[in-house]
C-alpha atoms as a PDB file:
ATOM      1  CA  MET A   1       0.226  -0.229  -0.059  1.00  0.00           C
ATOM      2  CA  ARG A   2       2.599   2.356   0.828  1.00  0.00           C
ATOM      3  CA  LYS A   3       4.684   1.614  -1.790  1.00  0.00           C
ATOM      4  CA  ASN A   4       1.695   2.236  -4.377  1.00  0.00           C
ATOM      5  CA  THR A   5       1.085   5.857  -2.584  1.00  0.00           C
ATOM      6  CA  THR A   6       4.760   6.585  -3.436  1.00  0.00           C
ATOM      7  CA  LEU A   7       4.441   5.839  -6.899  1.00  0.00           C
ATOM      8  CA  LYS A   8       1.232   7.675  -7.248  1.00  0.00           C
ATOM      9  CA  LYS A   9       3.061  10.640  -5.529  1.00  0.00           C
ATOM     10  CA  SER A  10       5.700  10.561  -8.343  1.00  0.00           C
ATOM     11  CA  PHE A  11       3.451   9.877 -11.002  1.00  0.00           C
ATOM     12  CA  LEU A  12       1.397  13.273  -9.866  1.00  0.00           C
ATOM     13  CA  TYR A  13       4.858  15.061  -9.761  1.00  0.00           C
ATOM     14  CA  THR A  14       6.188  13.782 -12.962  1.00  0.00           C
ATOM     15  CA  ILE A  15       2.583  14.787 -14.649  1.00  0.00           C
ATOM     16  CA  ALA A  16       3.314  18.647 -13.290  1.00  0.00           C
ATOM     17  CA  LEU A  17       6.327  18.849 -14.542  1.00  0.00           C
ATOM     18  CA  ALA A  18       5.427  17.649 -17.754  1.00  0.00           C
ATOM     19  CA  VAL A  19       2.500  20.137 -18.222  1.00  0.00           C
ATOM     20  CA  LEU A  20       4.712  23.108 -17.213  1.00  0.00           C
ATOM     21  CA  LEU A  21       7.126  22.225 -20.138  1.00  0.00           C
ATOM     22  CA  VAL A  22       4.258  22.042 -22.638  1.00  0.00           C
ATOM     23  CA  SER A  23       2.549  25.299 -21.247  1.00  0.00           C
ATOM     24  CA  CYS A  24       5.858  26.841 -21.306  1.00  0.00           C
ATOM     25  CA  LYS A  25       6.504  25.665 -24.932  1.00  0.00           C
ATOM     26  CA  LYS A  26       2.960  26.893 -26.040  1.00  0.00           C
ATOM     27  CA  GLU A  27       3.199  30.329 -24.317  1.00  0.00           C
ATOM     28  CA  THR A  28       6.416  31.257 -25.942  1.00  0.00           C
ATOM     29  CA  GLU A  29       4.938  30.803 -29.427  1.00  0.00           C
ATOM     30  CA  LYS A  30       2.119  33.089 -28.411  1.00  0.00           C
ATOM     31  CA  VAL A  31       3.927  35.527 -25.945  1.00  0.00           C
ATOM     32  CA  SER A  32       6.742  37.577 -27.962  1.00  0.00           C
ATOM     33  CA  ASP A  33       8.658  38.420 -24.525  1.00  0.00           C
ATOM     34  CA  ILE A  34       9.571  34.987 -23.838  1.00  0.00           C
ATOM     35  CA  ILE A  35      12.996  33.472 -25.347  1.00  0.00           C
ATOM     36  CA  GLN A  36      14.833  31.041 -24.822  1.00  0.00           C
ATOM     37  CA  GLY A  37      18.010  30.320 -22.581  1.00  0.00           C
ATOM     38  CA  THR A  38      19.728  27.900 -20.479  1.00  0.00           C
ATOM     39  CA  ALA A  39      21.933  28.147 -17.538  1.00  0.00           C
ATOM     40  CA  ASP A  40      24.920  26.999 -20.065  1.00  0.00           C
ATOM     41  CA  SER A  41      24.741  30.176 -21.708  1.00  0.00           C
ATOM     42  CA  ILE A  42      25.524  32.056 -18.354  1.00  0.00           C
ATOM     43  CA  VAL A  43      28.594  34.026 -17.563  1.00  0.00           C
ATOM     44  CA  GLU A  44      29.742  32.833 -14.139  1.00  0.00           C
ATOM     45  CA  THR A  45      29.588  35.718 -11.467  1.00  0.00           C
ATOM     46  CA  SER A  46      30.385  35.610  -7.763  1.00  0.00           C
ATOM     47  CA  GLY A  47      27.393  36.930  -5.378  1.00  0.00           C
ATOM     48  CA  SER A  48      27.547  37.730  -1.501  1.00  0.00           C
ATOM     49  CA  GLU A  49      25.410  35.256   0.503  1.00  0.00           C
ATOM     50  CA  GLN A  50      24.005  38.058   2.510  1.00  0.00           C
ATOM     51  CA  ASP A  51      20.234  39.273   1.168  1.00  0.00           C
ATOM     52  CA  SER A  52      20.077  42.369  -0.725  1.00  0.00           C
ATOM     53  CA  VAL A  53      23.270  44.374   0.754  1.00  0.00           C
ATOM     54  CA  LYS A  54      26.460  44.349  -0.895  1.00  0.00           C
ATOM     55  CA  LYS A  55      29.206  45.449   1.174  1.00  0.00           C
ATOM     56  CA  GLU A  56      32.523  45.112  -0.813  1.00  0.00           C
ATOM     57  CA  PRO A  57      33.944  48.508  -1.099  1.00  0.00           C
ATOM     58  CA  VAL A  58      34.119  50.007  -4.694  1.00  0.00           C
ATOM     59  CA  VAL A  59      38.093  50.956  -5.032  1.00  0.00           C
ATOM     60  CA  GLN A  60      37.472  52.411  -8.664  1.00  0.00           C
ATOM     61  CA  LYS A  61      36.337  56.072  -8.412  1.00  0.00           C
ATOM     62  CA  LYS A  62      34.811  56.046 -11.837  1.00  0.00           C
ATOM     63  CA  SER A  63      31.404  56.031 -13.178  1.00  0.00           C
ATOM     64  CA  LEU A  64      30.465  52.517 -13.646  1.00  0.00           C
ATOM     65  CA  PRO A  65      27.143  51.265 -15.379  1.00  0.00           C
ATOM     66  CA  PRO A  66      24.896  48.458 -14.663  1.00  0.00           C
ATOM     67  CA  ALA A  67      26.455  44.825 -14.748  1.00  0.00           C
ATOM     68  CA  MET A  68      25.587  43.807 -18.822  1.00  0.00           C
ATOM     69  CA  GLN A  69      24.134  40.796 -18.644  1.00  0.00           C
ATOM     70  CA  GLU A  70      24.169  38.008 -21.929  1.00  0.00           C
ATOM     71  CA  ASP A  71      21.301  37.302 -24.004  1.00  0.00           C
ATOM     72  CA  GLY A  72      19.178  34.281 -22.538  1.00  0.00           C
ATOM     73  CA  PHE A  73      19.947  35.292 -19.180  1.00  0.00           C
ATOM     74  CA  TYR A  74      16.607  35.473 -17.952  1.00  0.00           C
ATOM     75  CA  ASN A  75      14.226  32.650 -18.352  1.00  0.00           C
ATOM     76  CA  ALA A  76      10.285  32.500 -18.038  1.00  0.00           C
ATOM     77  CA  PHE A  77       8.090  30.439 -15.617  1.00  0.00           C
ATOM     78  CA  ILE A  78       4.563  30.476 -16.874  1.00  0.00           C
ATOM     79  CA  PHE A  79       1.268  29.561 -14.701  1.00  0.00           C
ATOM     80  CA  PRO A  80      -1.846  28.540 -16.481  1.00  0.00           C
ATOM     81  CA  LYS A  81      -4.916  30.453 -15.474  1.00  0.00           C
ATOM     82  CA  ASP A  82      -6.593  27.044 -14.351  1.00  0.00           C
ATOM     83  CA  LYS A  83      -6.230  27.138 -10.108  1.00  0.00           C
ATOM     84  CA  LYS A  84      -5.650  23.520  -9.862  1.00  0.00           C
ATOM     85  CA  LEU A  85      -3.127  23.519 -12.200  1.00  0.00           C
ATOM     86  CA  LYS A  86      -1.358  26.777 -10.965  1.00  0.00           C
ATOM     87  CA  ASP A  87      -1.181  25.179  -7.545  1.00  0.00           C
ATOM     88  CA  SER A  88       0.515  22.455  -8.691  1.00  0.00           C
ATOM     89  CA  LEU A  89       2.707  24.113 -10.662  1.00  0.00           C
ATOM     90  CA  PHE A  90       3.044  26.263  -7.403  1.00  0.00           C
ATOM     91  CA  PHE A  91       4.508  23.385  -5.778  1.00  0.00           C
ATOM     92  CA  VAL A  92       7.234  22.216  -8.449  1.00  0.00           C
ATOM     93  CA  PHE A  93       8.347  25.996  -8.464  1.00  0.00           C
ATOM     94  CA  ASN A  94       8.796  25.608  -4.481  1.00  0.00           C
ATOM     95  CA  LYS A  95      10.223  22.433  -4.958  1.00  0.00           C
ATOM     96  CA  LYS A  96      12.842  23.749  -7.488  1.00  0.00           C
ATOM     97  CA  TYR A  97      13.889  26.829  -5.701  1.00  0.00           C
ATOM     98  CA  THR A  98      14.915  27.466  -2.033  1.00  0.00           C
ATOM     99  CA  GLU A  99      13.239  30.077   0.029  1.00  0.00           C
ATOM    100  CA  LYS A 100      15.755  32.952  -0.586  1.00  0.00           C
ATOM    101  CA  GLU A 101      15.731  32.430  -4.363  1.00  0.00           C
ATOM    102  CA  ARG A 102      12.134  32.412  -4.229  1.00  0.00           C
ATOM    103  CA  TYR A 103      12.357  35.748  -2.761  1.00  0.00           C
ATOM    104  CA  ALA A 104      14.567  37.132  -5.149  1.00  0.00           C
ATOM    105  CA  ILE A 105      12.578  35.819  -8.125  1.00  0.00           C
ATOM    106  CA  PHE A 106       9.561  37.412  -6.497  1.00  0.00           C
ATOM    107  CA  ALA A 107      11.484  40.869  -5.746  1.00  0.00           C
ATOM    108  CA  LEU A 108      12.311  40.716  -9.777  1.00  0.00           C
ATOM    109  CA  ASN A 109       9.025  40.845 -10.436  1.00  0.00           C
ATOM    110  CA  ARG A 110       7.776  43.466  -8.101  1.00  0.00           C
ATOM    111  CA  LEU A 111       6.412  40.896  -5.986  1.00  0.00           C
ATOM    112  CA  ASP A 112       5.808  39.675  -2.479  1.00  0.00           C
ATOM    113  CA  ALA A 113       5.162  36.220  -1.412  1.00  0.00           C
ATOM    114  CA  LYS A 114       1.310  37.162  -0.199  1.00  0.00           C
ATOM    115  CA  ASN A 115       1.164  38.292  -3.877  1.00  0.00           C
ATOM    116  CA  LYS A 116       2.545  35.505  -5.680  1.00  0.00           C
ATOM    117  CA  TRP A 117      -1.012  34.088  -6.976  1.00  0.00           C
ATOM    118  CA  ASN A 118      -1.139  37.480  -9.310  1.00  0.00           C
ATOM    119  CA  ALA A 119       1.531  36.445 -11.485  1.00  0.00           C
ATOM    120  CA  ASP A 120       1.026  34.443 -14.777  1.00  0.00           C
ATOM    121  CA  THR A 121       4.805  34.489 -15.721  1.00  0.00           C
ATOM    122  CA  LEU A 122       7.635  35.200 -13.632  1.00  0.00           C
ATOM    123  CA  VAL A 123      11.131  36.446 -15.073  1.00  0.00           C
ATOM    124  CA  VAL A 124      13.634  34.142 -13.833  1.00  0.00           C
ATOM    125  CA  PRO A 125      17.216  34.613 -13.872  1.00  0.00           C
ATOM    126  CA  ALA A 126      19.123  31.408 -15.110  1.00  0.00           C
ATOM    127  CA  LYS A 127      21.686  31.892 -12.287  1.00  0.00           C
ATOM    128  CA  ILE A 128      20.272  33.345  -9.306  1.00  0.00           C
ATOM    129  CA  ASP A 129      21.887  35.902  -6.935  1.00  0.00           C
ATOM    130  CA  THR A 130      20.090  35.842  -3.817  1.00  0.00           C
ATOM    131  CA  THR A 131      21.561  39.771  -3.465  1.00  0.00           C
ATOM    132  CA  LEU A 132      19.839  40.920  -6.374  1.00  0.00           C
ATOM    133  CA  MET A 133      23.011  43.216  -7.092  1.00  0.00           C
ATOM    134  CA  GLU A 134      24.046  41.258 -10.267  1.00  0.00           C
ATOM    135  CA  TYR A 135      20.597  42.268 -11.618  1.00  0.00           C
ATOM    136  CA  SER A 136      20.995  45.769 -10.673  1.00  0.00           C
ATOM    137  CA  PRO A 137      19.367  48.367 -13.029  1.00  0.00           C
ATOM    138  CA  PHE A 138      21.112  51.241 -11.376  1.00  0.00           C
ATOM    139  CA  PRO A 139      24.607  52.073 -12.169  1.00  0.00           C
ATOM    140  CA  MET A 140      27.142  50.474  -9.871  1.00  0.00           C
ATOM    141  CA  GLN A 141      29.338  53.469  -9.269  1.00  0.00           C
ATOM    142  CA  LEU A 142      28.074  57.512  -9.839  1.00  0.00           C
ATOM    143  CA  ASP A 143      31.283  60.294 -10.160  1.00  0.00           C
ATOM    144  CA  VAL A 144      28.341  62.657  -9.298  1.00  0.00           C
ATOM    145  CA  LEU A 145      27.578  61.247  -6.245  1.00  0.00           C
ATOM    146  CA  SER A 146      31.126  60.916  -4.500  1.00  0.00           C
ATOM    147  CA  PRO A 147      30.922  63.772  -1.816  1.00  0.00           C
ATOM    148  CA  VAL A 148      27.072  62.724  -0.849  1.00  0.00           C
ATOM    149  CA  LYS A 149      27.138  59.817   2.071  1.00  0.00           C
ATOM    150  CA  LYS A 150      23.738  58.799   1.497  1.00  0.00           C
ATOM    151  CA  PHE A 151      21.291  59.110  -1.198  1.00  0.00           C
ATOM    152  CA  VAL A 152      17.887  57.244  -2.148  1.00  0.00           C
ATOM    153  CA  VAL A 153      16.435  57.233  -5.871  1.00  0.00           C
ATOM    154  CA  PHE A 154      12.974  55.979  -6.652  1.00  0.00           C
ATOM    155  CA  SER A 155      12.106  55.047 -10.114  1.00  0.00           C
ATOM    156  CA  TYR A 156       8.785  55.121 -11.367  1.00  0.00           C
ATOM    157  CA  PRO A 157       9.846  53.756 -14.877  1.00  0.00           C
ATOM    158  CA  ILE A 158      10.882  50.528 -13.609  1.00  0.00           C
ATOM    159  CA  GLN A 159       9.315  50.420 -10.252  1.00  0.00           C
ATOM    160  CA  ALA A 160      12.649  50.512  -8.327  1.00  0.00           C
ATOM    161  CA  TYR A 161      14.653  52.256  -5.862  1.00  0.00           C
ATOM    162  CA  GLY A 162      18.181  52.382  -5.442  1.00  0.00           C
ATOM    163  CA  VAL A 163      20.728  52.968  -2.364  1.00  0.00           C
ATOM    164  CA  TYR A 164      23.899  55.028  -2.740  1.00  0.00           C
ATOM    165  CA  SER A 165      26.791  55.787  -0.312  1.00  0.00           C
ATOM    166  CA  ASN A 166      29.949  57.995  -1.903  1.00  0.00           C
ATOM    167  CA  GLY A 167      28.593  57.135  -5.217  1.00  0.00           C
ATOM    168  CA  SER A 168      28.616  53.527  -4.296  1.00  0.00           C
ATOM    169  CA  LEU A 169      25.456  51.362  -4.906  1.00  0.00           C
ATOM    170  CA  VAL A 170      24.823  49.722  -1.992  1.00  0.00           C
ATOM    171  CA  LYS A 171      21.486  48.130  -2.309  1.00  0.00           C
ATOM    172  CA  TRP A 172      18.323  48.160  -4.609  1.00  0.00           C
ATOM    173  CA  GLY A 173      14.818  46.578  -4.527  1.00  0.00           C
ATOM    174  CA  PRO A 174      11.513  46.430  -5.681  1.00  0.00           C
ATOM    175  CA  THR A 175       8.783  49.041  -4.852  1.00  0.00           C
ATOM    176  CA  SER A 176       5.485  49.621  -5.749  1.00  0.00           C
ATOM    177  CA  MET A 177       4.504  53.527  -6.050  1.00  0.00           C
ATOM    178  CA  GLY A 178       1.426  55.649  -6.628  1.00  0.00           C
ATOM    179  CA  LYS A 179      -1.453  54.016  -9.322  1.00  0.00           C
ATOM    180  CA  LYS A 180      -2.555  56.153 -11.925  1.00  0.00           C
ATOM    181  CA  ALA A 181      -5.285  57.820 -10.013  1.00  0.00           C
ATOM    182  CA  ALA A 182      -2.924  58.694  -7.322  1.00  0.00           C
ATOM    183  CA  GLN A 183       1.019  59.346  -8.177  1.00  0.00           C
ATOM    184  CA  THR A 184       3.475  59.945  -6.206  1.00  0.00           C
ATOM    185  CA  LYS A 185       4.972  62.912  -6.289  1.00  0.00           C
ATOM    186  CA  ARG A 186       8.531  63.478  -8.531  1.00  0.00           C
ATOM    187  CA  GLY A 187      11.099  65.204  -7.926  1.00  0.00           C
ATOM    188  CA  LEU A 188      14.181  65.660  -5.163  1.00  0.00           C
ATOM    189  CA  THR A 189      12.874  65.805  -1.402  1.00  0.00           C
ATOM    190  CA  PHE A 190      14.839  65.032   2.014  1.00  0.00           C
ATOM    191  CA  ALA A 191      13.641  62.130   4.647  1.00  0.00           C
ATOM    192  CA  ASN A 192      11.840  63.647   7.296  1.00  0.00           C
ATOM    193  CA  TRP A 193      10.298  61.864  10.465  1.00  0.00           C
ATOM    194  CA  LYS A 194       9.776  57.969  11.105  1.00  0.00           C
ATOM    195  CA  LYS A 195       7.712  55.841  12.845  1.00  0.00           C
ATOM    196  CA  LYS A 196       8.082  52.136  13.392  1.00  0.00           C
ATOM    197  CA  LEU A 197       4.277  51.338  12.688  1.00  0.00           C
ATOM    198  CA  ALA A 198       2.083  54.283  11.317  1.00  0.00           C
ATOM    199  CA  ILE A 199      -1.658  54.094  10.699  1.00  0.00           C
ATOM    200  CA  SER A 200      -2.852  55.302   7.163  1.00  0.00           C
ATOM    201  CA  THR A 201      -4.897  58.509   6.990  1.00  0.00           C
ATOM    202  CA  VAL A 202      -6.775  57.257   4.213  1.00  0.00           C
ATOM    203  CA  ASP A 203      -7.913  53.671   5.772  1.00  0.00           C
ATOM    204  CA  SER A 204      -7.239  53.465   9.664  1.00  0.00           C
ATOM    205  CA  GLU A 205      -6.906  49.537   9.279  1.00  0.00           C
ATOM    206  CA  TRP A 206      -4.162  49.738   7.128  1.00  0.00           C
ATOM    207  CA  LYS A 207      -1.034  49.137   9.295  1.00  0.00           C
ATOM    208  CA  LEU A 208       2.234  50.425   7.675  1.00  0.00           C
ATOM    209  CA  PRO A 209       5.144  48.928   9.307  1.00  0.00           C
ATOM    210  CA  TYR A 210       8.697  51.155   8.947  1.00  0.00           C
ATOM    211  CA  ASN A 211       7.141  54.318   7.790  1.00  0.00           C
ATOM    212  CA  PHE A 212       9.523  56.860   6.818  1.00  0.00           C
ATOM    213  CA  ASN A 213       8.157  60.258   5.696  1.00  0.00           C
ATOM    214  CA  ILE A 214       9.522  62.165   2.749  1.00  0.00           C
ATOM    215  CA  PHE A 215       6.901  64.595   1.581  1.00  0.00           C
ATOM    216  CA  ASN A 216       5.354  65.857   4.967  1.00  0.00           C
ATOM    217  CA  SER A 217       2.571  68.003   3.708  1.00  0.00           C
ATOM    218  CA  GLU A 218       1.382  65.567   1.493  1.00  0.00           C
ATOM    219  CA  GLY A 219       1.881  62.581   3.973  1.00  0.00           C
ATOM    220  CA  ILE A 220       4.003  60.698   1.565  1.00  0.00           C
ATOM    221  CA  GLY A 221       6.627  58.163   2.781  1.00  0.00           C
ATOM    222  CA  TRP A 222       7.963  54.626   1.971  1.00  0.00           C
ATOM    223  CA  HIS A 223       6.979  51.657   4.458  1.00  0.00           C
ATOM    224  CA  GLN A 224       6.405  48.062   4.374  1.00  0.00           C
ATOM    225  CA  TYR A 225       3.211  46.865   2.394  1.00  0.00           C
ATOM    226  CA  ASP A 226       1.685  44.418  -0.453  1.00  0.00           C
ATOM    227  CA  LEU A 227       3.582  44.216  -3.797  1.00  0.00           C
ATOM    228  CA  PRO A 228       1.082  43.149  -6.191  1.00  0.00           C
ATOM    229  CA  GLY A 229       3.198  43.595  -9.557  1.00  0.00           C
ATOM    230  CA  TYR A 230       2.822  47.069 -10.460  1.00  0.00           C
ATOM    231  CA  PRO A 231       2.118  50.473  -9.023  1.00  0.00           C
ATOM    232  CA  ALA A 232      -0.889  50.174  -6.447  1.00  0.00           C
ATOM    233  CA  SER A 233      -0.375  52.818  -3.730  1.00  0.00           C
ATOM    234  CA  HIS A 234      -2.159  55.496  -2.621  1.00  0.00           C
ATOM    235  CA  SER A 235       1.046  57.757  -3.571  1.00  0.00           C
ATOM    236  CA  CYS A 236       3.423  56.170  -1.123  1.00  0.00           C
ATOM    237  CA  LEU A 237       6.119  53.942  -1.783  1.00  0.00           C
ATOM    238  CA  ARG A 238       5.687  50.133  -0.989  1.00  0.00           C
ATOM    239  CA  LEU A 239       8.299  47.639   0.036  1.00  0.00           C
ATOM    240  CA  LEU A 240       9.525  44.866   1.173  1.00  0.00           C
ATOM    241  CA  MET A 241       9.439  44.199   4.964  1.00  0.00           C
ATOM    242  CA  LYS A 242      13.202  43.227   4.754  1.00  0.00           C
ATOM    243  CA  ASP A 243      13.824  46.243   2.622  1.00  0.00           C
ATOM    244  CA  ALA A 244      11.558  48.962   5.365  1.00  0.00           C
ATOM    245  CA  GLN A 245      13.616  47.665   7.833  1.00  0.00           C
ATOM    246  CA  TRP A 246      16.976  48.464   6.074  1.00  0.00           C
ATOM    247  CA  LEU A 247      15.829  51.673   5.088  1.00  0.00           C
ATOM    248  CA  TYR A 248      14.516  52.660   8.252  1.00  0.00           C
ATOM    249  CA  SER A 249      17.681  52.235   9.884  1.00  0.00           C
ATOM    250  CA  TYR A 250      19.949  53.661   7.123  1.00  0.00           C
ATOM    251  CA  ALA A 251      18.451  56.969   6.088  1.00  0.00           C
ATOM    252  CA  ASP A 252      18.727  59.831   8.236  1.00  0.00           C
ATOM    253  CA  THR A 253      16.026  62.091   9.775  1.00  0.00           C
ATOM    254  CA  TRP A 254      15.199  65.996   9.802  1.00  0.00           C
ATOM    255  CA  VAL A 255      16.251  67.886  12.550  1.00  0.00           C
ATOM    256  CA  LEU A 256      13.807  70.094  14.392  1.00  0.00           C
ATOM    257  CA  ASN A 257      14.524  73.680  16.094  1.00  0.00           C
ATOM    258  CA  PRO A 258      12.935  73.948  19.449  1.00  0.00           C
ATOM    259  CA  GLY A 259       9.170  73.577  19.658  1.00  0.00           C
ATOM    260  CA  GLY A 260       9.194  71.440  16.547  1.00  0.00           C
ATOM    261  CA  ALA A 261       7.472  74.089  14.431  1.00  0.00           C
ATOM    262  CA  THR A 262      10.661  74.779  11.962  1.00  0.00           C
ATOM    263  CA  THR A 263      13.330  72.535  10.471  1.00  0.00           C
ATOM    264  CA  LYS A 264      17.204  72.920  11.409  1.00  0.00           C
ATOM    265  CA  ALA A 265      18.261  70.498   9.369  1.00  0.00           C
ATOM    266  CA  LYS A 266      16.877  68.247   6.488  1.00  0.00           C
ATOM    267  CA  GLY A 267      17.420  64.299   6.470  1.00  0.00           C
ATOM    268  CA  THR A 268      18.897  62.144   3.697  1.00  0.00           C
ATOM    269  CA  ALA A 269      18.334  62.999   0.366  1.00  0.00           C
ATOM    270  CA  VAL A 270      15.806  61.532  -2.027  1.00  0.00           C
ATOM    271  CA  LEU A 271      15.048  61.471  -5.739  1.00  0.00           C
ATOM    272  CA  VAL A 272      11.796  60.138  -7.060  1.00  0.00           C
ATOM    273  CA  TYR A 273      11.875  60.417 -10.996  1.00  0.00           C
ATOM    274  CA  GLY A 274       9.932  59.342 -14.149  1.00  0.00           C
ATOM    275  CA  ASP A 275       6.745  58.121 -15.672  1.00  0.00           C
ATOM    276  CA  TYR A 276       5.477  54.477 -15.660  1.00  0.00           C
ATOM    277  CA  LYS A 277       4.025  53.174 -18.962  1.00  0.00           C
ATOM    278  CA  TRP A 278       0.023  52.851 -17.954  1.00  0.00           C
ATOM    279  CA  GLY A 279      -1.090  49.813 -19.422  1.00  0.00           C
ATOM    280  CA  GLY A 280       2.193  48.618 -21.432  1.00  0.00           C
ATOM    281  CA  ARG A 281       4.232  45.808 -21.196  1.00  0.00           C
ATOM    282  CA  LYS A 282       5.568  45.831 -17.297  1.00  0.00           C
ATOM    283  CA  PRO A 283       9.437  46.624 -17.496  1.00  0.00           C
ATOM    284  CA  TRP A 284      10.828  43.662 -16.082  1.00  0.00           C
ATOM    285  CA  ARG A 285       8.874  41.314 -18.861  1.00  0.00           C
ATOM    286  CA  LYS A 286      11.554  43.163 -21.101  1.00  0.00           C
ATOM    287  CA  LEU A 287      14.233  41.363 -19.523  1.00  0.00           C
ATOM    288  CA  LEU A 288      13.368  38.334 -21.348  1.00  0.00           C
ATOM    289  CA  ASN A 289      13.925  39.811 -24.712  1.00  0.00           C
ATOM    290  CA  ASP A 290      16.917  41.980 -23.800  1.00  0.00           C
ATOM    291  CA  PRO A 291      18.607  41.483 -19.983  1.00  0.00           C
ATOM    292  CA  ASN A 292      19.634  45.220 -20.098  1.00  0.00           C
ATOM    293  CA  ALA A 293      16.339  46.296 -20.888  1.00  0.00           C
ATOM    294  CA  ASN A 294      15.575  47.791 -17.476  1.00  0.00           C
ATOM    295  CA  ASN A 295      19.321  49.257 -16.973  1.00  0.00           C
ATOM    296  CA  ILE A 296      19.822  53.063 -16.211  1.00  0.00           C
ATOM    297  CA  SER A 297      22.775  54.764 -17.341  1.00  0.00           C
ATOM    298  CA  VAL A 298      25.414  56.544 -15.995  1.00  0.00           C
ATOM    299  CA  GLU A 299      24.602  59.566 -18.079  1.00  0.00           C
ATOM    300  CA  GLU A 300      21.116  59.554 -17.543  1.00  0.00           C
ATOM    301  CA  MET A 301      21.520  59.396 -13.512  1.00  0.00           C
ATOM    302  CA  THR A 302      23.940  62.426 -13.514  1.00  0.00           C
ATOM    303  CA  LYS A 303      21.542  64.401 -15.832  1.00  0.00           C
ATOM    304  CA  MET A 304      18.974  63.959 -13.456  1.00  0.00           C
ATOM    305  CA  ILE A 305      21.225  64.409 -10.186  1.00  0.00           C
ATOM    306  CA  GLU A 306      23.716  67.035 -11.317  1.00  0.00           C
ATOM    307  CA  PRO A 307      21.145  70.268 -11.192  1.00  0.00           C
ATOM    308  CA  ASN A 308      20.946  69.143  -7.448  1.00  0.00           C
ATOM    309  CA  ILE A 309      23.947  68.137  -6.098  1.00  0.00           C
ATOM    310  CA  GLU A 310      24.876  71.731  -4.925  1.00  0.00           C
ATOM    311  CA  LYS A 311      22.116  71.540  -2.723  1.00  0.00           C
ATOM    312  CA  ILE A 312      22.071  68.107  -1.537  1.00  0.00           C
ATOM    313  CA  VAL A 313      25.649  68.895  -0.474  1.00  0.00           C
ATOM    314  CA  LYS A 314      24.953  72.144   1.118  1.00  0.00           C
ATOM    315  CA  GLU A 315      21.963  70.436   3.395  1.00  0.00           C
ATOM    316  CA  GLN A 316      24.362  67.318   4.073  1.00  0.00           C
ATOM    317  CA  ASP A 317      27.222  69.656   5.416  1.00  0.00           C
ATOM    318  CA  ASN A 318      24.634  71.989   7.359  1.00  0.00           C
ATOM    319  CA  ARG A 319      22.938  68.914   9.092  1.00  0.00           C
ATOM    320  CA  GLN A 320      26.590  67.675   9.904  1.00  0.00           C
ATOM    321  CA  VAL A 321      27.380  71.106  12.022  1.00  0.00           C
ATOM    322  CA  VAL A 322      23.774  71.003  13.326  1.00  0.00           C
ATOM    323  CA  VAL A 323      24.313  67.259  14.441  1.00  0.00           C
ATOM    324  CA  ASP A 324      27.975  67.869  15.650  1.00  0.00           C
ATOM    325  CA  SER A 325      26.869  71.105  17.771  1.00  0.00           C
ATOM    326  CA  ILE A 326      23.887  68.926  19.491  1.00  0.00           C
ATOM    327  CA  LYS A 327      26.375  66.483  20.308  1.00  0.00           C
ATOM    328  CA  ALA A 328      28.711  69.018  22.042  1.00  0.00           C
ATOM    329  CA  ALA A 329      25.989  70.517  23.862  1.00  0.00           C
ATOM    330  CA  LYS A 330      24.710  67.538  25.284  1.00  0.00           C
ATOM    331  CA  ALA A 331      28.744  66.305  26.186  1.00  0.00           C
ATOM    332  CA  VAL A 332      28.718  69.618  28.269  1.00  0.00           C
ATOM    333  CA  LEU A 333      25.331  68.891  30.172  1.00  0.00           C
ATOM    334  CA  GLU A 334      26.742  65.384  31.034  1.00  0.00           C
ATOM    335  CA  GLN A 335      29.710  66.998  32.463  1.00  0.00           C
ATOM    336  CA  MET A 336      27.741  69.221  34.932  1.00  0.00           C
ATOM    337  CA  PRO A 337      27.019  67.905  38.408  1.00  0.00           C
ATOM    338  CA  GLU A 338      23.265  67.178  38.822  1.00  0.00           C
ATOM    339  CA  ASN A 339      22.954  68.915  42.162  1.00  0.00           C
ATOM    340  CA  PRO A 340      25.221  72.130  41.828  1.00  0.00           C
ATOM    341  CA  LYS A 341      26.086  73.523  45.149  1.00  0.00           C
ATOM    342  CA  THR A 342      25.212  76.975  45.954  1.00  0.00           C
ATOM    343  CA  GLU A 343      27.195  79.513  48.091  1.00  0.00           C
ATOM    344  CA  ALA A 344      25.041  81.282  50.996  1.00  0.00           C
ATOM    345  CA  PRO A 345      24.679  84.969  50.540  1.00  0.00           C
END
């Protein structure tokens, strides 16, 4: 009896794999954005085992473009509409890839695990780097940002964010920005206040972990929330939980004057730019035809940042002066006796 059960499970597993292969073959004939490719065509590259953060220092002080990939770098994992068959294929998908690999694949498709069921096609690298750095659409080095200690950029066109420290890209990941009817405000801004768990002013039932405000009067910030694979927010910038936690610790807040009515110093510089092609092909799906389709050039980034660099550096320097003065004042207070003696008249 046990032997028959084992044979039955093996048979069902084989059938699921066979259906997947047939489905992939049929879909590639119908959909122009699916290309053939295997892991044999990949150029071997090394990657850190840590999730989403590249810590190796960039020695070369030269603007470097995103890593160039070879044709066939990305493949497609296609899911049918039928729910039962889709469940079976997700079982195959889960067996084929580890938890970290699945996390990376979902991130590339601007999804979280909760919303994976939205996918009909997943773009999957033939060689998976769980740090995501091998697939960065942002330049690895930007000379224009060399004097800037911390800088965060959000791209509407590719629904992704990037983080730079002194011109070196240290992190990037997926986002879901404002939907068409409630688009995220563009332009240069600075990080303001933060709160570990904020409540949305649109709906009190919406909990926003690791919220970091960047447009104070509009109430716009980045935080963890659903990533469904397209721009879906009410103007905020949604992130995966791990990314929201990381940015919460990384970015600097503003410094307010006594009373809190005015700003004494601004926080980390943030740039939100570009337009999403509403109703068009999802940008990450283009990777199946061209592995470099989403890459943003050094020239394009420099052109956007250069007009703002003077203001960014000025605000950065001012914040350092303010922080240093606050530290100095605290040091003086700490050295003073708690109960100073007074002489009798």
